């Protein structure tokens, strides 16, 4: 009905992957007779974007961030609108940090080579 495989739906249920297209949420909501917002939240968009841009580690980092920040809101007195704004600001800061870190050398390079390359780049600039 939704044009999705069993493995894909299972991964959605486990939270290991998320629909990358909002239309999938609409189709699933129609099939399940529920509101689209029940299935989808802005955290899903953030996690999906982090995975597309930064791969597995980006997705895991985004999931951890969402979990930790959501825990801060539990039982709090903050207005829903303020919580949303804070969550978006934190997500933007995460993406900004990931973009800045993309310019660093990969961890797979040995420490001595990394130091040599970084020192050389200082002289080249």
Protein backbone atom coordinates (compact mmCIF):
# COMPACT_ATOMS: atom_id res chain seq x y z
CA UNK A 1 0.00 0.00 0.00
CA UNK A 2 2.68 2.51 0.95
CA UNK A 3 5.23 1.18 -1.52
CA UNK A 4 7.66 0.41 1.31
CA UNK A 5 9.36 -2.87 2.06
CA UNK A 6 8.92 -4.73 5.33
CA UNK A 7 12.55 -4.06 6.29
CA UNK A 8 12.08 -0.32 5.71
CA UNK A 9 8.96 -0.21 7.90
CA UNK A 10 10.71 -2.27 10.57
CA UNK A 11 13.62 0.18 10.55
CA UNK A 12 11.18 3.09 10.92
CA UNK A 13 9.54 1.37 13.90
CA UNK A 14 12.92 0.70 15.54
CA UNK A 15 14.04 4.25 14.89
CA UNK A 16 17.15 3.12 13.02
CA UNK A 17 16.07 5.05 9.91
CA UNK A 18 13.53 7.76 9.19
CA UNK A 19 11.54 8.61 6.07
CA UNK A 20 13.50 11.16 4.07
CA UNK A 21 10.39 12.43 2.33
CA UNK A 22 7.47 14.07 4.14
CA UNK A 23 5.07 12.42 1.69
CA UNK A 24 5.93 9.04 3.24
CA UNK A 25 4.68 10.33 6.60
CA UNK A 26 1.43 11.45 4.96
CA UNK A 27 0.94 8.06 3.28
CA UNK A 28 1.64 6.15 6.50
CA UNK A 29 -0.68 8.45 8.48
CA UNK A 30 -3.48 7.77 5.99
CA UNK A 31 -2.95 4.00 6.18
CA UNK A 32 -2.74 4.06 10.00
CA UNK A 33 -5.63 6.52 10.30
CA UNK A 34 -3.68 8.96 12.46
CA UNK A 35 -2.38 12.51 12.24
CA UNK A 36 0.89 13.07 10.36
CA UNK A 37 2.30 14.96 13.35
CA UNK A 38 1.87 11.81 15.44
CA UNK A 39 4.37 10.03 13.20
CA UNK A 40 6.66 12.95 12.38
CA UNK A 41 8.44 15.60 14.36
CA UNK A 42 11.12 18.16 13.63
CA UNK A 43 13.71 15.94 15.32
CA UNK A 44 13.17 13.40 12.52
CA UNK A 45 14.05 16.06 9.93
CA UNK A 46 17.16 17.01 11.89
CA UNK A 47 18.31 13.40 12.25
CA UNK A 48 17.64 12.69 8.58
CA UNK A 49 19.59 15.77 7.50
CA UNK A 50 22.49 14.89 9.80
CA UNK A 51 22.63 11.40 8.31
CA UNK A 52 22.55 12.69 4.72
CA UNK A 53 25.25 15.29 5.39
CA UNK A 54 27.53 13.44 7.84
CA UNK A 55 26.67 9.74 7.57
CA UNK A 56 26.24 7.29 10.41
CA UNK A 57 28.21 9.29 12.98
CA UNK A 58 26.23 12.43 12.17
CA UNK A 59 22.96 10.57 12.67
CA UNK A 60 24.10 9.06 15.96
CA UNK A 61 25.29 12.45 17.21
CA UNK A 62 21.98 14.05 16.25
CA UNK A 63 19.99 11.28 17.96
CA UNK A 64 22.05 11.67 21.12
CA UNK A 65 21.59 15.43 21.07
CA UNK A 66 17.81 15.13 20.64
CA UNK A 67 17.58 12.58 23.46
CA UNK A 68 19.66 14.65 25.87
CA UNK A 69 17.92 17.93 25.11
CA UNK A 70 14.47 16.34 25.28
CA UNK A 71 15.40 15.04 28.75
CA UNK A 72 16.03 18.62 29.85
CA UNK A 73 12.41 19.48 29.09
CA UNK A 74 10.87 16.60 31.06
CA UNK A 75 8.61 17.94 33.77
CA UNK A 76 9.70 21.52 33.15
CA UNK A 77 7.73 24.71 33.19
CA UNK A 78 8.95 26.01 29.82
CA UNK A 79 6.29 26.95 27.26
CA UNK A 80 6.03 24.66 24.22
CA UNK A 81 6.93 27.52 21.87
CA UNK A 82 10.07 28.31 23.88
CA UNK A 83 11.07 24.63 23.91
CA UNK A 84 10.76 24.50 20.13
CA UNK A 85 12.90 27.62 19.69
CA UNK A 86 15.56 26.28 22.05
CA UNK A 87 15.62 22.91 20.28
CA UNK A 88 16.04 24.60 16.89
CA UNK A 89 18.85 26.80 18.21
CA UNK A 90 20.68 23.75 19.58
CA UNK A 91 20.22 21.88 16.31
CA UNK A 92 21.60 24.84 14.35
CA UNK A 93 24.61 25.01 16.67
CA UNK A 94 25.22 21.26 16.15
CA UNK A 95 25.14 21.61 12.36
CA UNK A 96 27.38 24.68 12.51
CA UNK A 97 29.94 22.76 14.60
CA UNK A 98 29.82 19.79 12.22
CA UNK A 99 30.47 22.10 9.25
CA UNK A 100 33.45 23.69 11.00
CA UNK A 101 34.85 20.29 11.95
CA UNK A 102 34.62 19.07 8.36
CA UNK A 103 37.74 21.15 7.70
CA UNK A 104 39.81 19.15 10.19
CA UNK A 105 41.90 16.14 9.32
CA UNK A 106 40.40 12.65 9.68
CA UNK A 107 41.14 10.57 12.78
CA UNK A 108 42.56 7.77 10.65
CA UNK A 109 45.72 9.83 10.05
CA UNK A 110 48.43 9.08 12.59
CA UNK A 111 48.96 11.71 15.25
CA UNK A 112 52.51 12.54 14.10
CA UNK A 113 51.41 12.96 10.48
CA UNK A 114 48.46 15.07 11.56
CA UNK A 115 50.72 17.36 13.62
CA UNK A 116 53.16 17.66 10.71
CA UNK A 117 50.37 18.49 8.25
CA UNK A 118 48.78 21.00 10.58
CA UNK A 119 52.15 22.67 11.24
CA UNK A 120 52.85 22.80 7.52
CA UNK A 121 49.45 24.37 6.82
CA UNK A 122 50.24 27.08 9.36
CA UNK A 123 53.32 28.03 7.33
CA UNK A 124 51.41 27.90 4.05
CA UNK A 125 48.73 30.34 5.21
